[in-house]
Amino acid sequence: MNKVDKVVYWIFGVICIGLLLFFVLSLVFGPSTKQVIIENDLSEEVNGVVDTLFNDAGNHDVRTAILKNKQIFEIVSEWESKIEKGDSLYKKKGSFLLEVYKKTGKKIVLNYKTTIK
């Protein structure tokens, strides 16, 4: 093994150890998956009328709504049967509550807290 090979192996080893260390430290000191989900739910803001519904094959077949204002909303699997084309969706940033105003005039309130496992 010549000097260049040793340097390449050394650099490769340092990079692998660095990545492994980063991964372990992220697991130990980073936010939990539950905390990330809660933060994402709270930061989401939705306001519009459902124009199109489809299963997004490129995203694990997640049921997705495109609102008339072109906003894209991924529907929680437990809520798929509750949201239809023509419904108005409203969720204020910082809230866990999604208000669904049905075409019939009925209002349904869906709570993100019920979907956190």
PDB file of N, CA and C in Angstrom:
ATOM      1  N   MET A   1       0.859  -1.169   0.000  1.00  0.00           N
ATOM      2  CA  MET A   1       0.000   0.000   0.000  1.00  0.00           C
ATOM      3  C   MET A   1       0.907   1.234   0.000  1.00  0.00           C
ATOM      4  N   ASN A   2       0.669   2.080  -0.970  1.00  0.00           N
ATOM      5  CA  ASN A   2       1.523   3.261  -1.051  1.00  0.00           C
ATOM      6  C   ASN A   2       0.964   4.406  -0.221  1.00  0.00           C
ATOM      7  N   LYS A   3       1.677   5.498  -0.192  1.00  0.00           N
ATOM      8  CA  LYS A   3       1.337   6.650   0.650  1.00  0.00           C
ATOM      9  C   LYS A   3      -0.007   7.278   0.259  1.00  0.00           C
ATOM     10  N   VAL A   4      -0.291   7.368  -1.030  1.00  0.00           N
ATOM     11  CA  VAL A   4      -1.544   7.961  -1.508  1.00  0.00           C
ATOM     12  C   VAL A   4      -2.738   7.118  -1.051  1.00  0.00           C
ATOM     13  N   ASP A   5      -2.622   5.801  -1.136  1.00  0.00           N
ATOM     14  CA  ASP A   5      -3.702   4.920  -0.690  1.00  0.00           C
ATOM     15  C   ASP A   5      -3.979   5.098   0.800  1.00  0.00           C
ATOM     16  N   LYS A   6      -2.926   5.216   1.590  1.00  0.00           N
ATOM     17  CA  LYS A   6      -3.088   5.404   3.031  1.00  0.00           C
ATOM     18  C   LYS A   6      -3.822   6.714   3.329  1.00  0.00           C
ATOM     19  N   VAL A   7      -3.481   7.777   2.612  1.00  0.00           N
ATOM     20  CA  VAL A   7      -4.130   9.070   2.818  1.00  0.00           C
ATOM     21  C   VAL A   7      -5.607   8.984   2.438  1.00  0.00           C
ATOM     22  N   VAL A   8      -5.923   8.333   1.328  1.00  0.00           N
ATOM     23  CA  VAL A   8      -7.307   8.186   0.887  1.00  0.00           C
ATOM     24  C   VAL A   8      -8.109   7.396   1.914  1.00  0.00           C
ATOM     25  N   TYR A   9      -7.546   6.280   2.395  1.00  0.00           N
ATOM     26  CA  TYR A   9      -8.232   5.483   3.416  1.00  0.00           C
ATOM     27  C   TYR A   9      -8.419   6.283   4.705  1.00  0.00           C
ATOM     28  N   TRP A  10      -7.439   7.050   5.084  1.00  0.00           N
ATOM     29  CA  TRP A  10      -7.518   7.867   6.298  1.00  0.00           C
ATOM     30  C   TRP A  10      -8.630   8.914   6.161  1.00  0.00           C
ATOM     31  N   ILE A  11      -8.670   9.599   5.023  1.00  0.00           N
ATOM     32  CA  ILE A  11      -9.708  10.610   4.794  1.00  0.00           C
ATOM     33  C   ILE A  11     -11.089   9.957   4.791  1.00  0.00           C
ATOM     34  N   PHE A  12     -11.226   8.836   4.106  1.00  0.00           N
ATOM     35  CA  PHE A  12     -12.499   8.119   4.061  1.00  0.00           C
ATOM     36  C   PHE A  12     -12.926   7.702   5.471  1.00  0.00           C
ATOM     37  N   GLY A  13     -12.012   7.208   6.258  1.00  0.00           N
ATOM     38  CA  GLY A  13     -12.307   6.790   7.633  1.00  0.00           C
ATOM     39  C   GLY A  13     -12.755   7.956   8.497  1.00  0.00           C
ATOM     40  N   VAL A  14     -12.086   9.099   8.370  1.00  0.00           N
ATOM     41  CA  VAL A  14     -12.452  10.279   9.154  1.00  0.00           C
ATOM     42  C   VAL A  14     -13.857  10.743   8.777  1.00  0.00           C
ATOM     43  N   ILE A  15     -14.171  10.735   7.494  1.00  0.00           N
ATOM     44  CA  ILE A  15     -15.512  11.140   7.039  1.00  0.00           C
ATOM     45  C   ILE A  15     -16.567  10.188   7.599  1.00  0.00           C
ATOM     46  N   CYS A  16     -16.318   8.878   7.543  1.00  0.00           N
ATOM     47  CA  CYS A  16     -17.285   7.894   8.068  1.00  0.00           C
ATOM     48  C   CYS A  16     -17.482   8.070   9.566  1.00  0.00           C
ATOM     49  N   ILE A  17     -16.404   8.245  10.300  1.00  0.00           N
ATOM     50  CA  ILE A  17     -16.510   8.447  11.750  1.00  0.00           C
ATOM     51  C   ILE A  17     -17.246   9.748  12.043  1.00  0.00           C
ATOM     52  N   GLY A  18     -16.991  10.795  11.279  1.00  0.00           N
ATOM     53  CA  GLY A  18     -17.676  12.072  11.465  1.00  0.00           C
ATOM     54  C   GLY A  18     -19.174  11.946  11.233  1.00  0.00           C
ATOM     55  N   LEU A  19     -19.559  11.244  10.171  1.00  0.00           N
ATOM     56  CA  LEU A  19     -20.987  11.040   9.896  1.00  0.00           C
ATOM     57  C   LEU A  19     -21.655  10.213  10.981  1.00  0.00           C
ATOM     58  N   LEU A  20     -20.980   9.173  11.429  1.00  0.00           N
ATOM     59  CA  LEU A  20     -21.520   8.336  12.492  1.00  0.00           C
ATOM     60  C   LEU A  20     -21.675   9.142  13.780  1.00  0.00           C
ATOM     61  N   LEU A  21     -20.694   9.942  14.116  1.00  0.00           N
ATOM     62  CA  LEU A  21     -20.753  10.785  15.302  1.00  0.00           C
ATOM     63  C   LEU A  21     -21.898  11.793  15.207  1.00  0.00           C
ATOM     64  N   PHE A  22     -22.060  12.410  14.032  1.00  0.00           N
ATOM     65  CA  PHE A  22     -23.152  13.353  13.815  1.00  0.00           C
ATOM     66  C   PHE A  22     -24.505  12.671  14.012  1.00  0.00           C
ATOM     67  N   PHE A  23     -24.664  11.480  13.460  1.00  0.00           N
ATOM     68  CA  PHE A  23     -25.911  10.735  13.566  1.00  0.00           C
ATOM     69  C   PHE A  23     -26.219  10.402  15.027  1.00  0.00           C
ATOM     70  N   VAL A  24     -25.233   9.904  15.758  1.00  0.00           N
ATOM     71  CA  VAL A  24     -25.442   9.529  17.160  1.00  0.00           C
ATOM     72  C   VAL A  24     -25.776  10.760  18.003  1.00  0.00           C
ATOM     73  N   LEU A  25     -25.053  11.860  17.806  1.00  0.00           N
ATOM     74  CA  LEU A  25     -25.328  13.077  18.567  1.00  0.00           C
ATOM     75  C   LEU A  25     -26.706  13.642  18.241  1.00  0.00           C
ATOM     76  N   SER A  26     -27.130  13.530  16.983  1.00  0.00           N
ATOM     77  CA  SER A  26     -28.472  13.989  16.601  1.00  0.00           C
ATOM     78  C   SER A  26     -29.543  13.170  17.300  1.00  0.00           C
ATOM     79  N   LEU A  27     -29.326  11.874  17.393  1.00  0.00           N
ATOM     80  CA  LEU A  27     -30.296  11.013  18.076  1.00  0.00           C
ATOM     81  C   LEU A  27     -30.366  11.325  19.568  1.00  0.00           C
ATOM     82  N   VAL A  28     -29.218  11.575  20.162  1.00  0.00           N
ATOM     83  CA  VAL A  28     -29.170  11.789  21.614  1.00  0.00           C
ATOM     84  C   VAL A  28     -29.653  13.188  21.991  1.00  0.00           C
ATOM     85  N   PHE A  29     -29.183  14.207  21.274  1.00  0.00           N
ATOM     86  CA  PHE A  29     -29.443  15.580  21.676  1.00  0.00           C
ATOM     87  C   PHE A  29     -30.482  16.306  20.816  1.00  0.00           C
ATOM     88  N   GLY A  30     -30.869  15.732  19.699  1.00  0.00           N
ATOM     89  CA  GLY A  30     -31.826  16.389  18.809  1.00  0.00           C
ATOM     90  C   GLY A  30     -33.245  16.196  19.295  1.00  0.00           C
ATOM     91  N   PRO A  31     -34.181  16.904  18.659  1.00  0.00           N
ATOM     92  CA  PRO A  31     -35.584  16.764  19.058  1.00  0.00           C
ATOM     93  C   PRO A  31     -36.112  15.378  18.688  1.00  0.00           C
ATOM     94  N   SER A  32     -37.067  14.904  19.466  1.00  0.00           N
ATOM     95  CA  SER A  32     -37.670  13.605  19.178  1.00  0.00           C
ATOM     96  C   SER A  32     -38.559  13.722  17.940  1.00  0.00           C
ATOM     97  N   THR A  33     -38.881  12.583  17.355  1.00  0.00           N
ATOM     98  CA  THR A  33     -39.769  12.566  16.198  1.00  0.00           C
ATOM     99  C   THR A  33     -41.114  13.183  16.560  1.00  0.00           C
ATOM    100  N   LYS A  34     -41.601  12.878  17.751  1.00  0.00           N
ATOM    101  CA  LYS A  34     -42.882  13.427  18.210  1.00  0.00           C
ATOM    102  C   LYS A  34     -42.814  14.945  18.279  1.00  0.00           C
ATOM    103  N   GLN A  35     -41.704  15.482  18.796  1.00  0.00           N
ATOM    104  CA  GLN A  35     -41.561  16.934  18.907  1.00  0.00           C
ATOM    105  C   GLN A  35     -41.513  17.586  17.519  1.00  0.00           C
ATOM    106  N   VAL A  36     -40.849  16.960  16.578  1.00  0.00           N
ATOM    107  CA  VAL A  36     -40.784  17.489  15.208  1.00  0.00           C
ATOM    108  C   VAL A  36     -42.185  17.508  14.587  1.00  0.00           C
ATOM    109  N   ILE A  37     -42.950  16.444  14.794  1.00  0.00           N
ATOM    110  CA  ILE A  37     -44.319  16.375  14.264  1.00  0.00           C
ATOM    111  C   ILE A  37     -45.174  17.484  14.868  1.00  0.00           C
ATOM    112  N   ILE A  38     -45.064  17.682  16.185  1.00  0.00           N
ATOM    113  CA  ILE A  38     -45.838  18.733  16.857  1.00  0.00           C
ATOM    114  C   ILE A  38     -45.472  20.103  16.296  1.00  0.00           C
ATOM    115  N   GLU A  39     -44.179  20.369  16.123  1.00  0.00           N
ATOM    116  CA  GLU A  39     -43.744  21.659  15.588  1.00  0.00           C
ATOM    117  C   GLU A  39     -44.253  21.871  14.164  1.00  0.00           C
ATOM    118  N   ASN A  40     -44.213  20.815  13.345  1.00  0.00           N
ATOM    119  CA  ASN A  40     -44.728  20.920  11.974  1.00  0.00           C
ATOM    120  C   ASN A  40     -46.229  21.189  11.967  1.00  0.00           C
ATOM    121  N   ASP A  41     -46.970  20.486  12.832  1.00  0.00           N
ATOM    122  CA  ASP A  41     -48.413  20.692  12.908  1.00  0.00           C
ATOM    123  C   ASP A  41     -48.743  22.123  13.324  1.00  0.00           C
ATOM    124  N   LEU A  42     -48.010  22.635  14.303  1.00  0.00           N
ATOM    125  CA  LEU A  42     -48.284  23.990  14.791  1.00  0.00           C
ATOM    126  C   LEU A  42     -47.899  25.065  13.777  1.00  0.00           C
ATOM    127  N   SER A  43     -46.887  24.808  12.966  1.00  0.00           N
ATOM    128  CA  SER A  43     -46.435  25.827  12.013  1.00  0.00           C
ATOM    129  C   SER A  43     -47.277  25.878  10.744  1.00  0.00           C
ATOM    130  N   GLU A  44     -48.092  24.854  10.527  1.00  0.00           N
ATOM    131  CA  GLU A  44     -48.917  24.799   9.315  1.00  0.00           C
ATOM    132  C   GLU A  44     -50.068  25.805   9.379  1.00  0.00           C
ATOM    133  N   GLU A  45     -50.304  26.450   8.258  1.00  0.00           N
ATOM    134  CA  GLU A  45     -51.411  27.397   8.125  1.00  0.00           C
ATOM    135  C   GLU A  45     -52.159  27.057   6.847  1.00  0.00           C
ATOM    136  N   VAL A  46     -53.480  26.921   6.952  1.00  0.00           N
ATOM    137  CA  VAL A  46     -54.296  26.525   5.802  1.00  0.00           C
ATOM    138  C   VAL A  46     -55.511  27.441   5.732  1.00  0.00           C
ATOM    139  N   ASN A  47     -55.826  27.883   4.515  1.00  0.00           N
ATOM    140  CA  ASN A  47     -57.013  28.713   4.336  1.00  0.00           C
ATOM    141  C   ASN A  47     -57.409  28.675   2.865  1.00  0.00           C
ATOM    142  N   GLY A  48     -58.444  27.909   2.549  1.00  0.00           N
ATOM    143  CA  GLY A  48     -58.896  27.860   1.172  1.00  0.00           C
ATOM    144  C   GLY A  48     -59.931  26.783   0.926  1.00  0.00           C
ATOM    145  N   VAL A  49     -60.393  26.731  -0.296  1.00  0.00           N
ATOM    146  CA  VAL A  49     -61.418  25.781  -0.720  1.00  0.00           C
ATOM    147  C   VAL A  49     -60.755  24.660  -1.509  1.00  0.00           C
ATOM    148  N   VAL A  50     -61.125  23.414  -1.184  1.00  0.00           N
ATOM    149  CA  VAL A  50     -60.554  22.247  -1.860  1.00  0.00           C
ATOM    150  C   VAL A  50     -61.014  22.228  -3.312  1.00  0.00           C
ATOM    151  N   ASP A  51     -60.047  22.269  -4.223  1.00  0.00           N
ATOM    152  CA  ASP A  51     -60.331  22.246  -5.656  1.00  0.00           C
ATOM    153  C   ASP A  51     -60.119  20.851  -6.236  1.00  0.00           C
ATOM    154  N   THR A  52     -59.066  20.170  -5.773  1.00  0.00           N
ATOM    155  CA  THR A  52     -58.707  18.861  -6.315  1.00  0.00           C
ATOM    156  C   THR A  52     -58.246  17.950  -5.192  1.00  0.00           C
ATOM    157  N   LEU A  53     -58.622  16.680  -5.256  1.00  0.00           N
ATOM    158  CA  LEU A  53     -58.149  15.665  -4.325  1.00  0.00           C
ATOM    159  C   LEU A  53     -57.501  14.540  -5.120  1.00  0.00           C
ATOM    160  N   PHE A  54     -56.359  14.047  -4.638  1.00  0.00           N
ATOM    161  CA  PHE A  54     -55.699  12.928  -5.305  1.00  0.00           C
ATOM    162  C   PHE A  54     -54.754  12.242  -4.341  1.00  0.00           C
ATOM    163  N   ASN A  55     -54.394  11.011  -4.677  1.00  0.00           N
ATOM    164  CA  ASN A  55     -53.382  10.283  -3.921  1.00  0.00           C
ATOM    165  C   ASN A  55     -52.044  10.524  -4.607  1.00  0.00           C
ATOM    166  N   ASP A  56     -51.118  11.107  -3.894  1.00  0.00           N
ATOM    167  CA  ASP A  56     -49.816  11.488  -4.447  1.00  0.00           C
ATOM    168  C   ASP A  56     -48.894  10.272  -4.487  1.00  0.00           C
ATOM    169  N   ALA A  57     -48.801   9.636  -5.651  1.00  0.00           N
ATOM    170  CA  ALA A  57     -47.988   8.429  -5.807  1.00  0.00           C
ATOM    171  C   ALA A  57     -46.517   8.696  -5.497  1.00  0.00           C
ATOM    172  N   GLY A  58     -46.049   9.896  -5.762  1.00  0.00           N
ATOM    173  CA  GLY A  58     -44.656  10.241  -5.489  1.00  0.00           C
ATOM    174  C   GLY A  58     -44.379  10.494  -4.019  1.00  0.00           C
ATOM    175  N   ASN A  59     -45.425  10.486  -3.190  1.00  0.00           N
ATOM    176  CA  ASN A  59     -45.279  10.728  -1.758  1.00  0.00           C
ATOM    177  C   ASN A  59     -46.036   9.650  -0.976  1.00  0.00           C
ATOM    178  N   HIS A  60     -45.742   8.386  -1.272  1.00  0.00           N
ATOM    179  CA  HIS A  60     -46.308   7.244  -0.556  1.00  0.00           C
ATOM    180  C   HIS A  60     -47.838   7.210  -0.599  1.00  0.00           C
ATOM    181  N   ASP A  61     -48.415   7.703  -1.683  1.00  0.00           N
ATOM    182  CA  ASP A  61     -49.872   7.700  -1.878  1.00  0.00           C
ATOM    183  C   ASP A  61     -50.633   8.512  -0.825  1.00  0.00           C
ATOM    184  N   VAL A  62     -49.993   9.545  -0.296  1.00  0.00           N
ATOM    185  CA  VAL A  62     -50.659  10.414   0.680  1.00  0.00           C
ATOM    186  C   VAL A  62     -51.791  11.156  -0.011  1.00  0.00           C
ATOM    187  N   ARG A  63     -52.950  11.145   0.614  1.00  0.00           N
ATOM    188  CA  ARG A  63     -54.106  11.873   0.072  1.00  0.00           C
ATOM    189  C   ARG A  63     -53.794  13.368   0.163  1.00  0.00           C
ATOM    190  N   THR A  64     -53.922  14.055  -0.946  1.00  0.00           N
ATOM    191  CA  THR A  64     -53.507  15.446  -1.040  1.00  0.00           C
ATOM    192  C   THR A  64     -54.623  16.287  -1.632  1.00  0.00           C
ATOM    193  N   ALA A  65     -54.777  17.485  -1.080  1.00  0.00           N
ATOM    194  CA  ALA A  65     -55.761  18.434  -1.598  1.00  0.00           C
ATOM    195  C   ALA A  65     -55.021  19.630  -2.166  1.00  0.00           C
ATOM    196  N   ILE A  66     -55.479  20.073  -3.331  1.00  0.00           N
ATOM    197  CA  ILE A  66     -54.996  21.339  -3.873  1.00  0.00           C
ATOM    198  C   ILE A  66     -56.144  22.320  -3.720  1.00  0.00           C
ATOM    199  N   LEU A  67     -55.858  23.401  -3.029  1.00  0.00           N
ATOM    200  CA  LEU A  67     -56.886  24.401  -2.782  1.00  0.00           C
ATOM    201  C   LEU A  67     -56.978  25.352  -3.967  1.00  0.00           C
ATOM    202  N   LYS A  68     -58.059  26.070  -4.081  1.00  0.00           N
ATOM    203  CA  LYS A  68     -58.254  26.993  -5.202  1.00  0.00           C
ATOM    204  C   LYS A  68     -57.185  28.084  -5.238  1.00  0.00           C
ATOM    205  N   ASN A  69     -56.592  28.396  -4.076  1.00  0.00           N
ATOM    206  CA  ASN A  69     -55.516  29.388  -4.036  1.00  0.00           C
ATOM    207  C   ASN A  69     -54.153  28.756  -4.329  1.00  0.00           C
ATOM    208  N   LYS A  70     -54.161  27.498  -4.819  1.00  0.00           N
ATOM    209  CA  LYS A  70     -52.978  26.721  -5.222  1.00  0.00           C
ATOM    210  C   LYS A  70     -52.165  26.177  -4.049  1.00  0.00           C
ATOM    211  N   GLN A  71     -52.656  26.350  -2.830  1.00  0.00           N
ATOM    212  CA  GLN A  71     -51.982  25.782  -1.664  1.00  0.00           C
ATOM    213  C   GLN A  71     -52.161  24.267  -1.689  1.00  0.00           C
ATOM    214  N   ILE A  72     -51.124  23.550  -1.299  1.00  0.00           N
ATOM    215  CA  ILE A  72     -51.173  22.090  -1.259  1.00  0.00           C
ATOM    216  C   ILE A  72     -51.291  21.665   0.200  1.00  0.00           C
ATOM    217  N   PHE A  73     -52.242  20.781   0.475  1.00  0.00           N
ATOM    218  CA  PHE A  73     -52.498  20.318   1.832  1.00  0.00           C
ATOM    219  C   PHE A  73     -52.498  18.797   1.855  1.00  0.00           C
ATOM    220  N   GLU A  74     -51.555  18.224   2.614  1.00  0.00           N
ATOM    221  CA  GLU A  74     -51.505  16.773   2.771  1.00  0.00           C
ATOM    222  C   GLU A  74     -52.468  16.380   3.883  1.00  0.00           C
ATOM    223  N   ILE A  75     -53.399  15.496   3.553  1.00  0.00           N
ATOM    224  CA  ILE A  75     -54.460  15.116   4.481  1.00  0.00           C
ATOM    225  C   ILE A  75     -53.987  13.962   5.368  1.00  0.00           C
ATOM    226  N   VAL A  76     -54.165  14.122   6.656  1.00  0.00           N
ATOM    227  CA  VAL A  76     -53.854  13.057   7.611  1.00  0.00           C
ATOM    228  C   VAL A  76     -54.742  11.863   7.276  1.00  0.00           C
ATOM    229  N   SER A  77     -54.164  10.656   7.278  1.00  0.00           N
ATOM    230  CA  SER A  77     -54.904   9.476   6.812  1.00  0.00           C
ATOM    231  C   SER A  77     -56.237   9.270   7.541  1.00  0.00           C
ATOM    232  N   GLU A  78     -56.288   9.592   8.836  1.00  0.00           N
ATOM    233  CA  GLU A  78     -57.524   9.429   9.593  1.00  0.00           C
ATOM    234  C   GLU A  78     -58.620  10.394   9.135  1.00  0.00           C
ATOM    235  N   TRP A  79     -58.262  11.417   8.401  1.00  0.00           N
ATOM    236  CA  TRP A  79     -59.213  12.460   7.986  1.00  0.00           C
ATOM    237  C   TRP A  79     -59.639  12.345   6.525  1.00  0.00           C
ATOM    238  N   GLU A  80     -59.126  11.386   5.796  1.00  0.00           N
ATOM    239  CA  GLU A  80     -59.384  11.292   4.354  1.00  0.00           C
ATOM    240  C   GLU A  80     -60.872  11.282   4.019  1.00  0.00           C
ATOM    241  N   SER A  81     -61.663  10.591   4.804  1.00  0.00           N
ATOM    242  CA  SER A  81     -63.097  10.488   4.502  1.00  0.00           C
ATOM    243  C   SER A  81     -63.869  11.741   4.908  1.00  0.00           C
ATOM    244  N   LYS A  82     -63.242  12.631   5.630  1.00  0.00           N
ATOM    245  CA  LYS A  82     -63.927  13.819   6.147  1.00  0.00           C
ATOM    246  C   LYS A  82     -63.742  15.060   5.277  1.00  0.00           C
ATOM    247  N   ILE A  83     -62.810  15.007   4.334  1.00  0.00           N
ATOM    248  CA  ILE A  83     -62.529  16.175   3.494  1.00  0.00           C
ATOM    249  C   ILE A  83     -62.876  15.841   2.048  1.00  0.00           C
ATOM    250  N   GLU A  84     -63.712  16.702   1.448  1.00  0.00           N
ATOM    251  CA  GLU A  84     -64.181  16.485   0.081  1.00  0.00           C
ATOM    252  C   GLU A  84     -63.930  17.726  -0.769  1.00  0.00           C
ATOM    253  N   LYS A  85     -64.013  17.526  -2.069  1.00  0.00           N
ATOM    254  CA  LYS A  85     -63.903  18.652  -2.992  1.00  0.00           C
ATOM    255  C   LYS A  85     -65.012  19.656  -2.681  1.00  0.00           C
ATOM    256  N   GLY A  86     -64.659  20.940  -2.636  1.00  0.00           N
ATOM    257  CA  GLY A  86     -65.624  21.994  -2.349  1.00  0.00           C
ATOM    258  C   GLY A  86     -65.655  22.411  -0.890  1.00  0.00           C
ATOM    259  N   ASP A  87     -65.051  21.609   0.003  1.00  0.00           N
ATOM    260  CA  ASP A  87     -64.991  21.983   1.415  1.00  0.00           C
ATOM    261  C   ASP A  87     -64.002  23.128   1.608  1.00  0.00           C
ATOM    262  N   SER A  88     -64.274  23.985   2.578  1.00  0.00           N
ATOM    263  CA  SER A  88     -63.353  25.061   2.944  1.00  0.00           C
ATOM    264  C   SER A  88     -62.547  24.600   4.147  1.00  0.00           C
ATOM    265  N   LEU A  89     -61.237  24.794   4.075  1.00  0.00           N
ATOM    266  CA  LEU A  89     -60.347  24.405   5.164  1.00  0.00           C
ATOM    267  C   LEU A  89     -59.744  25.656   5.781  1.00  0.00           C
ATOM    268  N   TYR A  90     -59.654  25.658   7.110  1.00  0.00           N
ATOM    269  CA  TYR A  90     -59.030  26.778   7.806  1.00  0.00           C
ATOM    270  C   TYR A  90     -58.271  26.262   9.021  1.00  0.00           C
ATOM    271  N   LYS A  91     -57.001  26.611   9.089  1.00  0.00           N
ATOM    272  CA  LYS A  91     -56.174  26.297  10.248  1.00  0.00           C
ATOM    273  C   LYS A  91     -55.250  27.465  10.488  1.00  0.00           C
ATOM    274  N   LYS A  92     -55.328  27.998  11.681  1.00  0.00           N
ATOM    275  CA  LYS A  92     -54.489  29.125  12.074  1.00  0.00           C
ATOM    276  C   LYS A  92     -53.131  28.604  12.524  1.00  0.00           C
ATOM    277  N   LYS A  93     -52.078  29.303  12.149  1.00  0.00           N
ATOM    278  CA  LYS A  93     -50.732  28.947  12.590  1.00  0.00           C
ATOM    279  C   LYS A  93     -50.689  28.999  14.116  1.00  0.00           C
ATOM    280  N   GLY A  94     -50.092  27.973  14.731  1.00  0.00           N
ATOM    281  CA  GLY A  94     -50.012  27.912  16.183  1.00  0.00           C
ATOM    282  C   GLY A  94     -51.159  27.154  16.824  1.00  0.00           C
ATOM    283  N   SER A  95     -52.081  26.671  16.010  1.00  0.00           N
ATOM    284  CA  SER A  95     -53.242  25.937  16.510  1.00  0.00           C
ATOM    285  C   SER A  95     -53.156  24.483  16.063  1.00  0.00           C
ATOM    286  N   PHE A  96     -53.759  23.602  16.843  1.00  0.00           N
ATOM    287  CA  PHE A  96     -53.866  22.192  16.462  1.00  0.00           C
ATOM    288  C   PHE A  96     -55.182  21.895  15.756  1.00  0.00           C
ATOM    289  N   LEU A  97     -56.049  22.887  15.606  1.00  0.00           N
ATOM    290  CA  LEU A  97     -57.392  22.653  15.086  1.00  0.00           C
ATOM    291  C   LEU A  97     -57.528  23.020  13.611  1.00  0.00           C
ATOM    292  N   LEU A  98     -58.031  22.077  12.830  1.00  0.00           N
ATOM    293  CA  LEU A  98     -58.353  22.311  11.427  1.00  0.00           C
ATOM    294  C   LEU A  98     -59.868  22.364  11.317  1.00  0.00           C
ATOM    295  N   GLU A  99     -60.388  23.491  10.859  1.00  0.00           N
ATOM    296  CA  GLU A  99     -61.830  23.641  10.684  1.00  0.00           C
ATOM    297  C   GLU A  99     -62.183  23.296   9.241  1.00  0.00           C
ATOM    298  N   VAL A 100     -63.149  22.415   9.082  1.00  0.00           N
ATOM    299  CA  VAL A 100     -63.615  22.002   7.758  1.00  0.00           C
ATOM    300  C   VAL A 100     -65.058  22.464   7.633  1.00  0.00           C
ATOM    301  N   TYR A 101     -65.287  23.375   6.706  1.00  0.00           N
ATOM    302  CA  TYR A 101     -66.634  23.873   6.444  1.00  0.00           C
ATOM    303  C   TYR A 101     -67.155  23.122   5.222  1.00  0.00           C
ATOM    304  N   LYS A 102     -68.137  22.258   5.451  1.00  0.00           N
ATOM    305  CA  LYS A 102     -68.685  21.417   4.395  1.00  0.00           C
ATOM    306  C   LYS A 102     -69.563  22.238   3.458  1.00  0.00           C
ATOM    307  N   LYS A 103     -69.765  21.719   2.258  1.00  0.00           N
ATOM    308  CA  LYS A 103     -70.634  22.379   1.278  1.00  0.00           C
ATOM    309  C   LYS A 103     -72.058  22.511   1.804  1.00  0.00           C
ATOM    310  N   THR A 104     -72.422  21.611   2.704  1.00  0.00           N
ATOM    311  CA  THR A 104     -73.778  21.615   3.262  1.00  0.00           C
ATOM    312  C   THR A 104     -73.960  22.685   4.338  1.00  0.00           C
ATOM    313  N   GLY A 105     -72.872  23.348   4.738  1.00  0.00           N
ATOM    314  CA  GLY A 105     -72.938  24.355   5.788  1.00  0.00           C
ATOM    315  C   GLY A 105     -72.499  23.827   7.142  1.00  0.00           C
ATOM    316  N   LYS A 106     -72.322  22.522   7.243  1.00  0.00           N
ATOM    317  CA  LYS A 106     -71.886  21.909   8.493  1.00  0.00           C
ATOM    318  C   LYS A 106     -70.401  22.201   8.722  1.00  0.00           C
ATOM    319  N   LYS A 107     -70.029  22.363   9.989  1.00  0.00           N
ATOM    320  CA  LYS A 107     -68.633  22.613  10.350  1.00  0.00           C
ATOM    321  C   LYS A 107     -68.102  21.421  11.144  1.00  0.00           C
ATOM    322  N   ILE A 108     -66.926  20.931  10.740  1.00  0.00           N
ATOM    323  CA  ILE A 108     -66.246  19.850  11.457  1.00  0.00           C
ATOM    324  C   ILE A 108     -64.905  20.404  11.935  1.00  0.00           C
ATOM    325  N   VAL A 109     -64.568  20.117  13.182  1.00  0.00           N
ATOM    326  CA  VAL A 109     -63.261  20.526  13.698  1.00  0.00           C
ATOM    327  C   VAL A 109     -62.431  19.277  13.934  1.00  0.00           C
ATOM    328  N   LEU A 110     -61.271  19.226  13.250  1.00  0.00           N
ATOM    329  CA  LEU A 110     -60.352  18.088  13.374  1.00  0.00           C
ATOM    330  C   LEU A 110     -59.144  18.552  14.187  1.00  0.00           C
ATOM    331  N   ASN A 111     -58.717  17.711  15.127  1.00  0.00           N
ATOM    332  CA  ASN A 111     -57.651  18.080  16.037  1.00  0.00           C
ATOM    333  C   ASN A 111     -56.391  17.274  15.734  1.00  0.00           C
ATOM    334  N   TYR A 112     -55.302  17.979  15.421  1.00  0.00           N
ATOM    335  CA  TYR A 112     -54.037  17.311  15.142  1.00  0.00           C
ATOM    336  C   TYR A 112     -53.538  16.527  16.340  1.00  0.00           C
ATOM    337  N   LYS A 113     -53.912  16.917  17.551  1.00  0.00           N
ATOM    338  CA  LYS A 113     -53.446  16.204  18.744  1.00  0.00           C
ATOM    339  C   LYS A 113     -53.882  14.747  18.734  1.00  0.00           C
ATOM    340  N   THR A 114     -55.012  14.464  18.095  1.00  0.00           N
ATOM    341  CA  THR A 114     -55.501  13.078  18.052  1.00  0.00           C
ATOM    342  C   THR A 114     -54.690  12.214  17.087  1.00  0.00           C
ATOM    343  N   THR A 115     -53.856  12.821  16.260  1.00  0.00           N
ATOM    344  CA  THR A 115     -53.079  12.062  15.286  1.00  0.00           C
ATOM    345  C   THR A 115     -51.638  11.831  15.738  1.00  0.00           C
ATOM    346  N   ILE A 116     -51.244  12.460  16.834  1.00  0.00           N
ATOM    347  CA  ILE A 116     -49.863  12.315  17.335  1.00  0.00           C
ATOM    348  C   ILE A 116     -49.775  11.040  18.141  1.00  0.00           C
ATOM    349  N   LYS A 117     -48.858  10.195  17.745  1.00  0.00           N
ATOM    350  CA  LYS A 117     -48.709   8.897  18.419  1.00  0.00           C
ATOM    351  C   LYS A 117     -47.524   8.907  19.350  1.00  0.00           C
TER     352      LYS A 117
END
